[in-house]
Amino acid sequence: MPGVAAAPGLVGQTPFVRRRAPAAGQYLVVDNVALVTGASAGIGRAIADHLAARGWEVVGASRRGTGGARWDGLVMDVDDDDSVADGVAGTVARHGRLDAVVTCAGFGVAGPSEATPMADARSQLETNFWGTVRVVHAALPSMREQHHGRVVLVGSIGGVVALPFQSFYSASKFALEGWGEALAWEVAPFGVDVTLVQPGNVRTDFTDSRRTVGLADADGDGDGHGDGDGDGVRDGGSAGAAYRDAATRAIDTMVADERDGVAPDVVARAVAKVLAARRPPRRVSVGRPSERVGVMAKRLLPGRVFEAAARGSLGV
């Protein structure tokens, strides 16, 4: 085919096909199918938009099934086994293949760990971790059969540097780090690559959608079940009251940093680069340099030195 060449480094695999764009001399990926979860808003939507603009056939999955100007939406709940199985199978049946899965579905729970209701803690892990596992497991048979695939797990710098008063959010992202690294060893013989993308602070509606729990028991009955005042904060009994000032300070710092974070398009460009790479990296951090350097600092500095240096930026 004139003007079309397979990407290097994929001999023996189904290739990423590229064509040269008529302007600026940039390559656009074409004829490849990507499933992006959490595509209704935020980072997921930015990734779906960006990949579609680069020529990918994009299926954007979310509970709402919202679509984009250049890509189709899919109603899929990552917390539900049947919904995920049907969604992935339908995507493969419709497009005949699945070249990449980018997992972005997730949300945040903030508040003192001790005062967080177990239902909220379980819900955090169910969506952010087990939801990712469900989607990837559903996609792997197709990728193994075609001996080719790219899995991009959108984690967080909060999965490398734990975030106080976001303990279960960090737990979900730390779990992704360990699981993704182990999975990469397992699927490599089948031509499947796994990359963990670790965003720092990003300006999205994730901030306003965060579920805040356990800060106080404003109705004074000590049951930790909330005061019914409609403020969106689930109250946490006497434990919540004990942590209230410190948690409020840390959460306020976090919110301000997120509002001053990078645009979601920055993460989308990083994901596109991973998908186009000849040898995709295992991990990529994305965000402001001051955030990204924290990942390296944690590896290099003694624990107490790192924690002392990080204390102010974490709001504690």
C-alpha atoms as a PDB file:
ATOM      1  CA  MET A   1       0.000   0.000   0.000  1.00  0.00           C
ATOM      2  CA  PRO A   2       1.646   3.269  -1.067  1.00  0.00           C
ATOM      3  CA  GLY A   3       2.639   5.557   1.791  1.00  0.00           C
ATOM      4  CA  VAL A   4       1.886   2.970   4.476  1.00  0.00           C
ATOM      5  CA  ALA A   5       4.443   1.124   6.578  1.00  0.00           C
ATOM      6  CA  ALA A   6       4.317  -1.159   9.555  1.00  0.00           C
ATOM      7  CA  ALA A   7       5.776   0.225  12.739  1.00  0.00           C
ATOM      8  CA  PRO A   8       9.265  -1.148  13.460  1.00  0.00           C
ATOM      9  CA  GLY A   9       9.869  -3.691  16.171  1.00  0.00           C
ATOM     10  CA  LEU A  10       6.659  -5.637  15.657  1.00  0.00           C
ATOM     11  CA  VAL A  11       7.917  -8.418  13.404  1.00  0.00           C
ATOM     12  CA  GLY A  12       5.784 -11.499  13.803  1.00  0.00           C
ATOM     13  CA  GLN A  13       2.993  -9.530  15.421  1.00  0.00           C
ATOM     14  CA  THR A  14      -0.048  -7.808  14.057  1.00  0.00           C
ATOM     15  CA  PRO A  15       1.525  -4.418  13.221  1.00  0.00           C
ATOM     16  CA  PHE A  16       0.484  -0.948  14.126  1.00  0.00           C
ATOM     17  CA  VAL A  17      -0.130   0.575  10.712  1.00  0.00           C
ATOM     18  CA  ARG A  18       0.906   4.184  10.185  1.00  0.00           C
ATOM     19  CA  ARG A  19       0.468   6.764   7.456  1.00  0.00           C
ATOM     20  CA  ARG A  20       2.144  10.112   7.073  1.00  0.00           C
ATOM     21  CA  ALA A  21      -0.120  13.070   7.706  1.00  0.00           C
ATOM     22  CA  PRO A  22      -0.271  15.573   4.846  1.00  0.00           C
ATOM     23  CA  ALA A  23       0.852  18.424   7.101  1.00  0.00           C
ATOM     24  CA  ALA A  24       3.664  18.772   9.641  1.00  0.00           C
ATOM     25  CA  GLY A  25       5.137  15.383   8.721  1.00  0.00           C
ATOM     26  CA  GLN A  26       3.623  13.625  11.727  1.00  0.00           C
ATOM     27  CA  TYR A  27       2.639   9.982  11.771  1.00  0.00           C
ATOM     28  CA  LEU A  28      -0.927   9.028  12.567  1.00  0.00           C
ATOM     29  CA  VAL A  29      -1.858   5.567  13.770  1.00  0.00           C
ATOM     30  CA  VAL A  30      -4.623   4.012  11.691  1.00  0.00           C
ATOM     31  CA  ASP A  31      -6.570   0.782  11.518  1.00  0.00           C
ATOM     32  CA  ASN A  32      -5.984  -0.014  15.184  1.00  0.00           C
ATOM     33  CA  VAL A  33      -8.717  -0.515  17.756  1.00  0.00           C
ATOM     34  CA  ALA A  34      -8.500   0.842  21.302  1.00  0.00           C
ATOM     35  CA  LEU A  35     -10.911   0.374  24.184  1.00  0.00           C
ATOM     36  CA  VAL A  36     -10.709   3.242  26.689  1.00  0.00           C
ATOM     37  CA  THR A  37     -12.538   2.945  30.003  1.00  0.00           C
ATOM     38  CA  GLY A  38     -13.700   5.939  32.005  1.00  0.00           C
ATOM     39  CA  ALA A  39     -14.149   7.771  28.708  1.00  0.00           C
ATOM     40  CA  SER A  40     -17.137   9.922  29.656  1.00  0.00           C
ATOM     41  CA  ALA A  41     -15.017  12.644  31.272  1.00  0.00           C
ATOM     42  CA  GLY A  42     -11.605  13.749  32.446  1.00  0.00           C
ATOM     43  CA  ILE A  43      -8.444  11.874  31.519  1.00  0.00           C
ATOM     44  CA  GLY A  44     -10.355   9.041  29.843  1.00  0.00           C
ATOM     45  CA  ARG A  45     -12.229  11.386  27.537  1.00  0.00           C
ATOM     46  CA  ALA A  46      -9.053  13.282  26.662  1.00  0.00           C
ATOM     47  CA  ILE A  47      -7.334  10.007  25.759  1.00  0.00           C
ATOM     48  CA  ALA A  48     -10.268   8.837  23.621  1.00  0.00           C
ATOM     49  CA  ASP A  49     -10.363  12.183  21.796  1.00  0.00           C
ATOM     50  CA  HIS A  50      -6.614  12.232  21.229  1.00  0.00           C
ATOM     51  CA  LEU A  51      -6.338   8.662  19.974  1.00  0.00           C
ATOM     52  CA  ALA A  52      -9.304   9.143  17.636  1.00  0.00           C
ATOM     53  CA  ALA A  53      -7.672  12.285  16.233  1.00  0.00           C
ATOM     54  CA  ARG A  54      -4.557  10.196  15.524  1.00  0.00           C
ATOM     55  CA  GLY A  55      -6.543   7.677  13.506  1.00  0.00           C
ATOM     56  CA  TRP A  56      -7.381   5.022  16.057  1.00  0.00           C
ATOM     57  CA  GLU A  57     -10.753   3.310  16.039  1.00  0.00           C
ATOM     58  CA  VAL A  58     -11.756   4.171  19.602  1.00  0.00           C
ATOM     59  CA  VAL A  59     -14.481   2.641  21.739  1.00  0.00           C
ATOM     60  CA  GLY A  60     -15.021   4.737  24.844  1.00  0.00           C
ATOM     61  CA  ALA A  61     -16.585   2.811  27.710  1.00  0.00           C
ATOM     62  CA  SER A  62     -18.340   4.291  30.713  1.00  0.00           C
ATOM     63  CA  ARG A  63     -21.456   3.787  32.799  1.00  0.00           C
ATOM     64  CA  ARG A  64     -23.127   6.563  30.813  1.00  0.00           C
ATOM     65  CA  GLY A  65     -21.933   5.336  27.424  1.00  0.00           C
ATOM     66  CA  THR A  66     -21.083   8.870  26.320  1.00  0.00           C
ATOM     67  CA  GLY A  67     -19.492   9.091  22.882  1.00  0.00           C
ATOM     68  CA  GLY A  68     -17.252  11.665  21.225  1.00  0.00           C
ATOM     69  CA  ALA A  69     -17.088  13.498  17.933  1.00  0.00           C
ATOM     70  CA  ARG A  70     -14.820  10.827  16.409  1.00  0.00           C
ATOM     71  CA  TRP A  71     -15.442   7.780  18.564  1.00  0.00           C
ATOM     72  CA  ASP A  72     -18.311   5.597  19.744  1.00  0.00           C
ATOM     73  CA  GLY A  73     -19.498   5.297  23.317  1.00  0.00           C
ATOM     74  CA  LEU A  74     -20.161   1.998  25.037  1.00  0.00           C
ATOM     75  CA  VAL A  75     -22.256   1.442  28.151  1.00  0.00           C
ATOM     76  CA  MET A  76     -20.054  -0.675  30.394  1.00  0.00           C
ATOM     77  CA  ASP A  77     -19.798  -0.838  34.184  1.00  0.00           C
ATOM     78  CA  VAL A  78     -16.335  -2.002  35.235  1.00  0.00           C
ATOM     79  CA  ASP A  79     -17.756  -3.148  38.590  1.00  0.00           C
ATOM     80  CA  ASP A  80     -19.980  -5.728  36.866  1.00  0.00           C
ATOM     81  CA  ASP A  81     -18.598  -9.006  35.475  1.00  0.00           C
ATOM     82  CA  ASP A  82     -21.286  -9.490  32.839  1.00  0.00           C
ATOM     83  CA  SER A  83     -21.204  -5.866  31.690  1.00  0.00           C
ATOM     84  CA  VAL A  84     -17.445  -6.043  31.117  1.00  0.00           C
ATOM     85  CA  ALA A  85     -17.559  -9.440  29.417  1.00  0.00           C
ATOM     86  CA  ASP A  86     -20.333  -8.296  27.072  1.00  0.00           C
ATOM     87  CA  GLY A  87     -18.687  -4.944  26.368  1.00  0.00           C
ATOM     88  CA  VAL A  88     -15.288  -6.361  25.461  1.00  0.00           C
ATOM     89  CA  ALA A  89     -16.762  -9.246  23.454  1.00  0.00           C
ATOM     90  CA  GLY A  90     -19.005  -6.839  21.550  1.00  0.00           C
ATOM     91  CA  THR A  91     -16.056  -4.583  20.739  1.00  0.00           C
ATOM     92  CA  VAL A  92     -14.023  -7.468  19.384  1.00  0.00           C
ATOM     93  CA  ALA A  93     -16.991  -8.814  17.407  1.00  0.00           C
ATOM     94  CA  ARG A  94     -17.701  -5.433  15.847  1.00  0.00           C
ATOM     95  CA  HIS A  95     -14.127  -4.485  14.975  1.00  0.00           C
ATOM     96  CA  GLY A  96     -12.583  -7.920  14.508  1.00  0.00           C
ATOM     97  CA  ARG A  97      -9.669  -7.171  16.850  1.00  0.00           C
ATOM     98  CA  LEU A  98      -8.544  -5.256  19.900  1.00  0.00           C
ATOM     99  CA  ASP A  99      -5.089  -3.703  19.773  1.00  0.00           C
ATOM    100  CA  ALA A 100      -5.054  -1.661  22.956  1.00  0.00           C
ATOM    101  CA  VAL A 101      -6.857  -1.283  26.255  1.00  0.00           C
ATOM    102  CA  VAL A 102      -6.440   1.917  28.249  1.00  0.00           C
ATOM    103  CA  THR A 103      -7.973   1.721  31.722  1.00  0.00           C
ATOM    104  CA  CYS A 104      -9.026   5.083  33.185  1.00  0.00           C
ATOM    105  CA  ALA A 105     -12.218   4.244  35.053  1.00  0.00           C
ATOM    106  CA  GLY A 106     -12.024   5.258  38.683  1.00  0.00           C
ATOM    107  CA  PHE A 107     -12.880   7.766  41.357  1.00  0.00           C
ATOM    108  CA  GLY A 108     -11.461   9.102  44.611  1.00  0.00           C
ATOM    109  CA  VAL A 109     -12.350   8.663  48.269  1.00  0.00           C
ATOM    110  CA  ALA A 110     -10.819  11.133  50.716  1.00  0.00           C
ATOM    111  CA  GLY A 111     -10.903  11.191  54.503  1.00  0.00           C
ATOM    112  CA  PRO A 112      -9.254   9.611  57.532  1.00  0.00           C
ATOM    113  CA  SER A 113      -8.550   5.929  57.053  1.00  0.00           C
ATOM    114  CA  GLU A 114      -9.812   5.021  60.523  1.00  0.00           C
ATOM    115  CA  ALA A 115     -13.097   6.849  59.951  1.00  0.00           C
ATOM    116  CA  THR A 116     -13.761   5.595  56.424  1.00  0.00           C
ATOM    117  CA  PRO A 117     -16.772   3.241  56.296  1.00  0.00           C
ATOM    118  CA  MET A 118     -15.809  -0.178  54.990  1.00  0.00           C
ATOM    119  CA  ALA A 119     -18.393   0.110  52.231  1.00  0.00           C
ATOM    120  CA  ASP A 120     -16.585   3.160  50.855  1.00  0.00           C
ATOM    121  CA  ALA A 121     -13.178   1.528  51.192  1.00  0.00           C
ATOM    122  CA  ARG A 122     -14.373  -1.583  49.349  1.00  0.00           C
ATOM    123  CA  SER A 123     -16.057   0.501  46.666  1.00  0.00           C
ATOM    124  CA  GLN A 124     -12.788   2.363  46.036  1.00  0.00           C
ATOM    125  CA  LEU A 125     -10.850  -0.847  45.456  1.00  0.00           C
ATOM    126  CA  GLU A 126     -13.727  -2.457  43.534  1.00  0.00           C
ATOM    127  CA  THR A 127     -13.709   0.196  40.829  1.00  0.00           C
ATOM    128  CA  ASN A 128     -10.117   1.388  40.701  1.00  0.00           C
ATOM    129  CA  PHE A 129      -8.403  -1.979  41.041  1.00  0.00           C
ATOM    130  CA  TRP A 130     -10.790  -4.866  40.444  1.00  0.00           C
ATOM    131  CA  GLY A 131     -12.571  -2.957  37.674  1.00  0.00           C
ATOM    132  CA  THR A 132      -9.249  -2.650  35.871  1.00  0.00           C
ATOM    133  CA  VAL A 133      -8.507  -6.340  36.407  1.00  0.00           C
ATOM    134  CA  ARG A 134     -11.911  -7.295  34.957  1.00  0.00           C
ATOM    135  CA  VAL A 135     -11.417  -5.290  31.786  1.00  0.00           C
ATOM    136  CA  VAL A 136      -7.873  -6.463  31.133  1.00  0.00           C
ATOM    137  CA  HIS A 137      -8.720 -10.105  31.804  1.00  0.00           C
ATOM    138  CA  ALA A 138     -11.619  -9.857  29.356  1.00  0.00           C
ATOM    139  CA  ALA A 139      -9.357  -8.360  26.678  1.00  0.00           C
ATOM    140  CA  LEU A 140      -6.385 -10.703  27.019  1.00  0.00           C
ATOM    141  CA  PRO A 141      -7.804 -13.754  25.176  1.00  0.00           C
ATOM    142  CA  SER A 142      -8.193 -11.707  22.004  1.00  0.00           C
ATOM    143  CA  MET A 143      -4.733 -10.184  22.371  1.00  0.00           C
ATOM    144  CA  ARG A 144      -3.118 -13.566  23.008  1.00  0.00           C
ATOM    145  CA  GLU A 145      -4.850 -15.041  19.972  1.00  0.00           C
ATOM    146  CA  GLN A 146      -3.587 -12.276  17.682  1.00  0.00           C
ATOM    147  CA  HIS A 147      -0.186 -12.352  19.470  1.00  0.00           C
ATOM    148  CA  HIS A 148      -0.217  -8.632  19.922  1.00  0.00           C
ATOM    149  CA  GLY A 149      -1.651  -6.019  22.236  1.00  0.00           C
ATOM    150  CA  ARG A 150      -0.929  -3.004  24.385  1.00  0.00           C
ATOM    151  CA  VAL A 151      -2.327  -2.583  27.904  1.00  0.00           C
ATOM    152  CA  VAL A 152      -2.024   0.879  29.449  1.00  0.00           C
ATOM    153  CA  LEU A 153      -3.011   1.134  33.109  1.00  0.00           C
ATOM    154  CA  VAL A 154      -3.659   4.705  34.202  1.00  0.00           C
ATOM    155  CA  GLY A 155      -2.470   4.708  37.772  1.00  0.00           C
ATOM    156  CA  SER A 156      -1.219   7.685  39.760  1.00  0.00           C
ATOM    157  CA  ILE A 157       1.866   9.151  41.350  1.00  0.00           C
ATOM    158  CA  GLY A 158      -0.293   8.489  44.423  1.00  0.00           C
ATOM    159  CA  GLY A 159       0.394   4.811  43.723  1.00  0.00           C
ATOM    160  CA  VAL A 160       4.101   5.445  44.310  1.00  0.00           C
ATOM    161  CA  VAL A 161       3.986   8.172  46.973  1.00  0.00           C
ATOM    162  CA  ALA A 162       1.113   7.467  49.376  1.00  0.00           C
ATOM    163  CA  LEU A 163      -1.338  10.333  49.889  1.00  0.00           C
ATOM    164  CA  PRO A 164      -2.465  11.033  53.462  1.00  0.00           C
ATOM    165  CA  PHE A 165      -6.242  11.148  53.834  1.00  0.00           C
ATOM    166  CA  GLN A 166      -6.534   9.348  50.490  1.00  0.00           C
ATOM    167  CA  SER A 167      -5.335   6.051  51.900  1.00  0.00           C
ATOM    168  CA  PHE A 168      -7.742   3.792  50.027  1.00  0.00           C
ATOM    169  CA  TYR A 169      -7.251   5.689  46.771  1.00  0.00           C
ATOM    170  CA  SER A 170      -3.499   5.213  47.172  1.00  0.00           C
ATOM    171  CA  ALA A 171      -4.065   1.555  48.091  1.00  0.00           C
ATOM    172  CA  SER A 172      -5.962   1.010  44.841  1.00  0.00           C
ATOM    173  CA  LYS A 173      -3.162   2.597  42.816  1.00  0.00           C
ATOM    174  CA  PHE A 174      -0.364   0.794  44.696  1.00  0.00           C
ATOM    175  CA  ALA A 175      -2.249  -2.430  43.915  1.00  0.00           C
ATOM    176  CA  LEU A 176      -2.246  -1.528  40.215  1.00  0.00           C
ATOM    177  CA  GLU A 177       1.523  -1.034  40.342  1.00  0.00           C
ATOM    178  CA  GLY A 178       2.194  -4.494  41.726  1.00  0.00           C
ATOM    179  CA  TRP A 179      -0.407  -6.280  39.655  1.00  0.00           C
ATOM    180  CA  GLY A 180       0.589  -4.527  36.420  1.00  0.00           C
ATOM    181  CA  GLU A 181       4.264  -5.326  36.898  1.00  0.00           C
ATOM    182  CA  ALA A 182       3.542  -9.002  37.570  1.00  0.00           C
ATOM    183  CA  LEU A 183       1.097  -9.182  34.672  1.00  0.00           C
ATOM    184  CA  ALA A 184       3.710  -7.781  32.292  1.00  0.00           C
ATOM    185  CA  TRP A 185       5.957 -10.788  32.895  1.00  0.00           C
ATOM    186  CA  GLU A 186       3.082 -13.192  32.329  1.00  0.00           C
ATOM    187  CA  VAL A 187       1.790 -11.782  29.044  1.00  0.00           C
ATOM    188  CA  ALA A 188       5.075 -10.808  27.381  1.00  0.00           C
ATOM    189  CA  PRO A 189       5.466 -14.239  25.677  1.00  0.00           C
ATOM    190  CA  PHE A 190       2.165 -13.568  23.894  1.00  0.00           C
ATOM    191  CA  GLY A 191       3.306 -10.254  22.396  1.00  0.00           C
ATOM    192  CA  VAL A 192       1.351  -8.158  24.896  1.00  0.00           C
ATOM    193  CA  ASP A 193       3.002  -5.115  26.503  1.00  0.00           C
ATOM    194  CA  VAL A 194       1.888  -3.511  29.779  1.00  0.00           C
ATOM    195  CA  THR A 195       2.653   0.086  30.770  1.00  0.00           C
ATOM    196  CA  LEU A 196       1.691   1.952  33.939  1.00  0.00           C
ATOM    197  CA  VAL A 197       1.059   5.654  33.353  1.00  0.00           C
ATOM    198  CA  GLN A 198       1.328   7.674  36.575  1.00  0.00           C
ATOM    199  CA  PRO A 199      -0.309  11.114  36.406  1.00  0.00           C
ATOM    200  CA  GLY A 200       0.292  13.697  39.085  1.00  0.00           C
ATOM    201  CA  ASN A 201      -2.179  16.532  39.568  1.00  0.00           C
ATOM    202  CA  VAL A 202      -4.496  16.939  36.573  1.00  0.00           C
ATOM    203  CA  ARG A 203      -7.252  19.517  36.066  1.00  0.00           C
ATOM    204  CA  THR A 204     -10.442  17.482  35.641  1.00  0.00           C
ATOM    205  CA  ASP A 205     -13.846  17.028  37.251  1.00  0.00           C
ATOM    206  CA  PHE A 206     -12.280  14.200  39.289  1.00  0.00           C
ATOM    207  CA  THR A 207     -11.658  16.841  41.970  1.00  0.00           C
ATOM    208  CA  ASP A 208     -15.307  17.849  42.308  1.00  0.00           C
ATOM    209  CA  SER A 209     -16.479  14.240  42.057  1.00  0.00           C
ATOM    210  CA  ARG A 210     -14.291  12.988  44.898  1.00  0.00           C
ATOM    211  CA  ARG A 211     -16.205  11.328  47.731  1.00  0.00           C
ATOM    212  CA  THR A 212     -15.214  12.826  51.102  1.00  0.00           C
ATOM    213  CA  VAL A 213     -15.922  10.640  54.121  1.00  0.00           C
ATOM    214  CA  GLY A 214     -15.345  10.422  57.840  1.00  0.00           C
ATOM    215  CA  LEU A 215     -14.535  14.036  58.709  1.00  0.00           C
ATOM    216  CA  ALA A 216     -17.000  14.527  61.583  1.00  0.00           C
ATOM    217  CA  ASP A 217     -20.149  13.211  63.184  1.00  0.00           C
ATOM    218  CA  ALA A 218     -22.092  16.429  63.006  1.00  0.00           C
ATOM    219  CA  ASP A 219     -25.334  14.981  64.366  1.00  0.00           C
ATOM    220  CA  GLY A 220     -23.502  13.939  67.524  1.00  0.00           C
ATOM    221  CA  ASP A 221     -24.887  10.408  67.810  1.00  0.00           C
ATOM    222  CA  GLY A 222     -21.538   8.733  67.222  1.00  0.00           C
ATOM    223  CA  ASP A 223     -22.886   6.285  64.638  1.00  0.00           C
ATOM    224  CA  GLY A 224     -20.589   7.446  61.839  1.00  0.00           C
ATOM    225  CA  HIS A 225     -23.390   7.199  59.296  1.00  0.00           C
ATOM    226  CA  GLY A 226     -23.761  10.851  58.405  1.00  0.00           C
ATOM    227  CA  ASP A 227     -25.786  13.772  59.524  1.00  0.00           C
ATOM    228  CA  GLY A 228     -28.236  14.076  56.650  1.00  0.00           C
ATOM    229  CA  ASP A 229     -27.307  17.690  55.981  1.00  0.00           C
ATOM    230  CA  GLY A 230     -26.771  17.137  52.272  1.00  0.00           C
ATOM    231  CA  ASP A 231     -23.214  18.552  52.224  1.00  0.00           C
ATOM    232  CA  GLY A 232     -21.775  15.522  50.422  1.00  0.00           C
ATOM    233  CA  VAL A 233     -19.573  14.553  53.375  1.00  0.00           C
ATOM    234  CA  ARG A 234     -20.127  11.191  55.038  1.00  0.00           C
ATOM    235  CA  ASP A 235     -19.393  11.675  58.713  1.00  0.00           C
ATOM    236  CA  GLY A 236     -17.184   9.406  60.762  1.00  0.00           C
ATOM    237  CA  GLY A 237     -18.018   9.508  64.460  1.00  0.00           C
ATOM    238  CA  SER A 238     -15.524  10.521  67.139  1.00  0.00           C
ATOM    239  CA  ALA A 239     -12.609   9.244  65.034  1.00  0.00           C
ATOM    240  CA  GLY A 240     -13.592  11.596  62.241  1.00  0.00           C
ATOM    241  CA  ALA A 241     -13.717  14.523  64.635  1.00  0.00           C
ATOM    242  CA  ALA A 242     -10.211  13.720  65.913  1.00  0.00           C
ATOM    243  CA  TYR A 243      -8.764  13.919  62.402  1.00  0.00           C
ATOM    244  CA  ARG A 244     -10.933  16.743  61.093  1.00  0.00           C
ATOM    245  CA  ASP A 245      -8.455  19.636  61.173  1.00  0.00           C
ATOM    246  CA  ALA A 246      -5.527  17.694  59.719  1.00  0.00           C
ATOM    247  CA  ALA A 247      -7.699  16.033  57.071  1.00  0.00           C
ATOM    248  CA  THR A 248      -9.302  19.306  56.030  1.00  0.00           C
ATOM    249  CA  ARG A 249      -5.879  20.936  55.668  1.00  0.00           C
ATOM    250  CA  ALA A 250      -4.505  18.059  53.576  1.00  0.00           C
ATOM    251  CA  ILE A 251      -7.602  17.809  51.380  1.00  0.00           C
ATOM    252  CA  ASP A 252      -7.659  21.571  50.790  1.00  0.00           C
ATOM    253  CA  THR A 253      -3.996  21.406  49.724  1.00  0.00           C
ATOM    254  CA  MET A 254      -4.771  18.525  47.397  1.00  0.00           C
ATOM    255  CA  VAL A 255      -7.730  20.304  45.801  1.00  0.00           C
ATOM    256  CA  ALA A 256      -5.696  23.455  45.174  1.00  0.00           C
ATOM    257  CA  ASP A 257      -2.867  21.430  43.609  1.00  0.00           C
ATOM    258  CA  GLU A 258      -5.279  19.578  41.344  1.00  0.00           C
ATOM    259  CA  ARG A 259      -6.903  22.781  40.147  1.00  0.00           C
ATOM    260  CA  ASP A 260      -3.405  24.015  39.274  1.00  0.00           C
ATOM    261  CA  GLY A 261      -2.438  20.728  37.641  1.00  0.00           C
ATOM    262  CA  VAL A 262      -1.679  19.920  34.022  1.00  0.00           C
ATOM    263  CA  ALA A 263      -4.414  19.600  31.420  1.00  0.00           C
ATOM    264  CA  PRO A 264      -5.691  16.062  30.744  1.00  0.00           C
ATOM    265  CA  ASP A 265      -4.371  16.391  27.190  1.00  0.00           C
ATOM    266  CA  VAL A 266      -0.858  16.064  28.637  1.00  0.00           C
ATOM    267  CA  VAL A 267      -1.732  12.588  29.893  1.00  0.00           C
ATOM    268  CA  ALA A 268      -3.415  11.750  26.591  1.00  0.00           C
ATOM    269  CA  ARG A 269      -0.275  12.623  24.657  1.00  0.00           C
ATOM    270  CA  ALA A 270       1.805  10.449  26.977  1.00  0.00           C
ATOM    271  CA  VAL A 271      -0.531   7.496  26.423  1.00  0.00           C
ATOM    272  CA  ALA A 272      -0.421   7.970  22.636  1.00  0.00           C
ATOM    273  CA  LYS A 273       3.370   7.996  22.790  1.00  0.00           C
ATOM    274  CA  VAL A 274       3.359   4.735  24.746  1.00  0.00           C
ATOM    275  CA  LEU A 275       1.037   3.097  22.223  1.00  0.00           C
ATOM    276  CA  ALA A 276       3.231   4.188  19.311  1.00  0.00           C
ATOM    277  CA  ALA A 277       6.514   3.206  20.962  1.00  0.00           C
ATOM    278  CA  ARG A 278       8.651   0.481  19.486  1.00  0.00           C
ATOM    279  CA  ARG A 279       9.457  -0.759  22.983  1.00  0.00           C
ATOM    280  CA  PRO A 280       6.922   0.715  25.398  1.00  0.00           C
ATOM    281  CA  PRO A 281       8.287   1.528  28.857  1.00  0.00           C
ATOM    282  CA  ARG A 282       7.018  -0.213  31.953  1.00  0.00           C
ATOM    283  CA  ARG A 283       6.243   3.085  33.713  1.00  0.00           C
ATOM    284  CA  VAL A 284       5.746   6.701  32.678  1.00  0.00           C
ATOM    285  CA  SER A 285       5.085   9.551  35.104  1.00  0.00           C
ATOM    286  CA  VAL A 286       3.173  12.587  33.862  1.00  0.00           C
ATOM    287  CA  GLY A 287       2.736  15.988  35.456  1.00  0.00           C
ATOM    288  CA  ARG A 288       4.683  18.943  36.713  1.00  0.00           C
ATOM    289  CA  PRO A 289       8.427  18.345  37.249  1.00  0.00           C
ATOM    290  CA  SER A 290       8.086  19.011  40.984  1.00  0.00           C
ATOM    291  CA  GLU A 291       5.635  16.094  41.219  1.00  0.00           C
ATOM    292  CA  ARG A 292       7.529  13.723  38.986  1.00  0.00           C
ATOM    293  CA  VAL A 293      10.799  14.266  40.827  1.00  0.00           C
ATOM    294  CA  GLY A 294       9.075  12.941  43.939  1.00  0.00           C
ATOM    295  CA  VAL A 295       8.894   9.482  42.353  1.00  0.00           C
ATOM    296  CA  MET A 296      12.662   9.412  41.854  1.00  0.00           C
ATOM    297  CA  ALA A 297      13.349  11.028  45.231  1.00  0.00           C
ATOM    298  CA  LYS A 298      11.443   8.288  47.040  1.00  0.00           C
ATOM    299  CA  ARG A 299      13.650   5.680  45.393  1.00  0.00           C
ATOM    300  CA  LEU A 300      16.913   7.443  46.156  1.00  0.00           C
ATOM    301  CA  LEU A 301      16.494   9.162  49.522  1.00  0.00           C
ATOM    302  CA  PRO A 302      16.379   7.538  52.970  1.00  0.00           C
ATOM    303  CA  GLY A 303      12.776   7.139  54.078  1.00  0.00           C
ATOM    304  CA  ARG A 304      12.832   9.734  56.851  1.00  0.00           C
ATOM    305  CA  VAL A 305      14.571  12.283  54.647  1.00  0.00           C
ATOM    306  CA  PHE A 306      12.017  11.813  51.884  1.00  0.00           C
ATOM    307  CA  GLU A 307       9.067  12.042  54.268  1.00  0.00           C
ATOM    308  CA  ALA A 308      10.397  15.240  55.833  1.00  0.00           C
ATOM    309  CA  ALA A 309      10.817  16.791  52.386  1.00  0.00           C
ATOM    310  CA  ALA A 310       7.375  15.674  51.193  1.00  0.00           C
ATOM    311  CA  ARG A 311       5.438  16.699  54.282  1.00  0.00           C
ATOM    312  CA  GLY A 312       4.659  20.257  53.178  1.00  0.00           C
ATOM    313  CA  SER A 313       3.551  19.337  49.658  1.00  0.00           C
ATOM    314  CA  LEU A 314       1.194  16.714  51.085  1.00  0.00           C
ATOM    315  CA  GLY A 315      -0.449  19.205  53.422  1.00  0.00           C
ATOM    316  CA  VAL A 316       0.604  17.446  56.632  1.00  0.00           C
END
